[in-house]
Protein backbone atom coordinates (compact mmCIF):
# COMPACT_ATOMS: atom_id res chain seq x y z
CA MET A 1 -56.36 -54.09 -98.50
CA THR A 2 -60.04 -52.61 -97.37
CA GLU A 3 -57.83 -49.19 -96.90
CA LEU A 4 -56.57 -49.23 -100.16
CA ILE A 5 -59.85 -49.88 -102.13
CA ILE A 6 -61.18 -46.60 -100.06
CA LEU A 7 -57.93 -44.31 -101.18
CA LEU A 8 -58.12 -45.66 -104.54
CA ILE A 9 -61.84 -44.39 -104.42
CA VAL A 10 -60.90 -41.18 -103.10
CA LEU A 11 -58.57 -40.14 -105.05
CA VAL A 12 -60.76 -41.06 -108.66
CA ALA A 13 -63.14 -39.17 -106.79
CA ALA A 14 -60.87 -36.28 -106.15
CA LEU A 15 -59.41 -36.27 -109.65
CA ALA A 16 -62.94 -36.20 -111.53
CA VAL A 17 -63.83 -33.27 -109.75
CA GLY A 18 -60.21 -31.98 -110.19
CA LEU A 19 -60.99 -32.09 -113.96
CA PHE A 20 -64.57 -30.37 -113.86
CA LEU A 21 -63.17 -27.64 -112.49
CA ARG A 22 -60.58 -27.30 -114.66
CA ALA A 23 -63.16 -27.35 -117.89
CA ARG A 24 -64.75 -24.88 -116.43
CA HIS A 25 -61.25 -22.65 -115.45
CA GLY A 26 -60.71 -19.54 -118.24
CA LYS A 27 -64.39 -20.54 -120.12
CA VAL A 28 -66.53 -17.77 -121.24
CA ARG A 29 -69.94 -19.21 -119.57
CA GLN A 30 -73.67 -17.27 -120.83
CA VAL A 31 -75.40 -16.50 -117.84
CA SER A 32 -79.20 -16.20 -117.63
CA PRO A 33 -80.55 -12.43 -116.13
CA THR A 34 -82.21 -11.95 -113.26
CA GLY A 35 -85.13 -9.53 -111.89
CA GLU A 36 -84.86 -9.87 -108.60
CA ALA A 37 -81.65 -8.04 -107.41
CA HIS A 38 -81.40 -6.14 -110.67
CA GLU A 39 -81.64 -2.89 -109.13
CA ARG A 40 -79.69 -3.31 -106.31
CA ARG A 41 -77.25 -4.48 -108.32
CA ALA A 42 -77.26 -1.98 -111.18
CA GLU A 43 -77.34 0.79 -108.54
CA LEU A 44 -73.47 -1.22 -107.06
CA LEU A 45 -72.34 -1.14 -110.56
CA ARG A 46 -72.88 2.54 -111.17
CA LYS A 47 -71.22 3.70 -107.92
CA VAL A 48 -68.31 1.68 -109.02
CA GLY A 49 -68.59 3.53 -112.38
CA VAL A 50 -70.35 0.98 -114.44
CA ALA A 51 -71.82 3.04 -117.40
CA SER A 52 -74.95 2.49 -119.09
CA SER A 53 -73.81 3.01 -122.70
CA GLY A 54 -72.65 0.31 -123.73
CA PRO A 55 -71.72 -3.03 -122.97
CA THR A 56 -68.66 -3.56 -119.80
CA VAL A 57 -65.89 -5.99 -119.04
CA LEU A 58 -65.48 -5.70 -115.07
CA HIS A 59 -62.75 -7.70 -113.80
CA PHE A 60 -62.23 -7.98 -109.81
CA SER A 61 -58.22 -7.89 -109.27
CA ALA A 62 -56.24 -7.43 -106.20
CA ASP A 63 -52.19 -6.77 -105.76
CA TRP A 64 -51.36 -10.42 -105.00
CA CYS A 65 -53.58 -11.99 -107.43
CA GLY A 66 -50.65 -13.49 -110.31
CA PRO A 67 -52.99 -14.11 -113.10
CA CYS A 68 -54.61 -10.82 -112.69
CA ALA A 69 -52.09 -9.39 -115.06
CA ALA A 70 -52.81 -11.63 -117.56
CA VAL A 71 -56.48 -10.94 -117.51
CA ARG A 72 -55.47 -7.47 -118.04
CA ARG A 73 -53.55 -7.85 -120.94
CA VAL A 74 -56.76 -9.76 -122.59
CA VAL A 75 -59.70 -7.52 -121.85
CA ASP A 76 -57.84 -4.21 -122.79
CA ARG A 77 -56.45 -6.25 -126.56
CA VAL A 78 -59.95 -7.36 -126.91
CA THR A 79 -61.00 -3.89 -125.29
CA THR A 80 -58.69 -1.99 -128.11
CA ASP A 81 -59.43 -4.13 -130.83
CA LEU A 82 -63.47 -3.54 -130.56
CA SER A 83 -62.93 0.47 -129.91
CA ASP A 84 -63.99 1.37 -133.16
CA ALA A 85 -67.84 -0.42 -132.54
CA PRO A 86 -71.10 1.82 -133.38
CA THR A 87 -71.15 1.48 -129.03
CA PRO A 88 -67.48 0.44 -127.87
CA PRO A 89 -67.45 -1.75 -124.71
CA THR A 90 -65.59 -0.51 -121.45
CA ASP A 91 -63.08 -2.43 -119.39
CA LEU A 92 -63.36 -1.92 -115.56
CA GLU A 93 -60.78 -3.08 -113.52
CA LEU A 94 -61.52 -3.36 -109.79
CA ASP A 95 -59.80 -4.13 -106.76
CA ILE A 96 -61.74 -6.71 -104.83
CA ASP A 97 -60.08 -5.44 -101.58
CA GLU A 98 -61.37 -2.30 -102.41
CA HIS A 99 -65.02 -3.04 -103.40
CA PRO A 100 -65.69 -6.43 -101.30
CA GLU A 101 -69.83 -5.63 -101.17
CA LEU A 102 -69.62 -5.42 -105.02
CA ALA A 103 -67.87 -8.72 -105.21
CA LYS A 104 -70.51 -10.71 -102.68
CA GLU A 105 -72.78 -9.09 -104.36
CA LEU A 106 -71.87 -10.64 -108.22
CA GLY A 107 -70.17 -13.99 -105.74
CA VAL A 108 -66.89 -13.94 -106.79
CA LEU A 109 -65.69 -17.10 -105.11
CA SER A 110 -61.87 -16.64 -106.84
CA LEU A 111 -59.61 -14.35 -108.68
CA PRO A 112 -59.36 -13.40 -111.34
CA THR A 113 -62.99 -12.54 -112.21
CA THR A 114 -64.51 -11.54 -114.96
CA PHE A 115 -68.44 -10.46 -116.04
CA ILE A 116 -69.40 -8.42 -118.96
CA PHE A 117 -72.38 -6.22 -118.70
CA ASP A 118 -74.77 -4.68 -121.44
CA ALA A 119 -76.04 -1.27 -121.79
CA SER A 120 -79.02 -2.14 -119.39
CA LEU A 121 -76.48 -3.27 -116.60
CA THR A 122 -77.83 -6.96 -116.96
CA GLU A 123 -74.86 -9.68 -116.63
CA ARG A 124 -74.69 -11.65 -119.71
CA PHE A 125 -71.45 -13.32 -119.27
CA ARG A 126 -69.12 -14.52 -116.52
CA ILE A 127 -65.43 -16.16 -116.95
CA SER A 128 -63.43 -17.43 -113.77
CA GLY A 129 -59.82 -17.40 -114.86
CA VAL A 130 -58.24 -16.04 -117.54
CA PRO A 131 -60.43 -15.38 -120.56
CA VAL A 132 -59.52 -16.64 -123.91
CA ALA A 133 -59.36 -13.60 -126.41
CA ALA A 134 -61.45 -15.31 -129.08
CA ASP A 135 -64.07 -16.04 -126.99
CA LEU A 136 -64.12 -12.11 -125.26
CA ARG A 137 -64.39 -10.63 -128.25
CA SER A 138 -67.52 -13.22 -129.69
CA ALA A 139 -69.39 -12.26 -126.51
CA LEU A 140 -68.63 -8.88 -126.70
CA THR A 141 -69.27 -8.26 -130.64
CA PRO A 142 -72.87 -8.52 -130.22
CA LEU A 143 -73.40 -5.98 -127.03
CA SER A 144 -71.11 -4.13 -129.22
CA VAL A 145 -73.44 -3.10 -132.55
């Protein structure tokens, strides 16, 4: 009987953790900019082509990542929709296997992971999983003005 109760407690705890992680999947989360590593991060971003002329959507992917194709479609659609904005967003996709140093610096733990940087190369938003187009557009619109 004790083993059954312990098993039930473990299953409930695992379910709670799973639901918590699932609730964060695909959500656009605002990030507080930090100044301590900003210059090193900015230099790495410039090396891969992130420009300081406007907002940039940077998404990490890999050949073996199935959901990354969905991210490509969503990001492409949103950046195309905002292409007439005063400062249109730039879409940049990086292979995580080719840019491990930047992925480590940005704390990429899973694929797909998408970042939104403003014109000063400050991380403003982070999305784990496939972003919702409306949420991505809402995050990019104020940065594209």
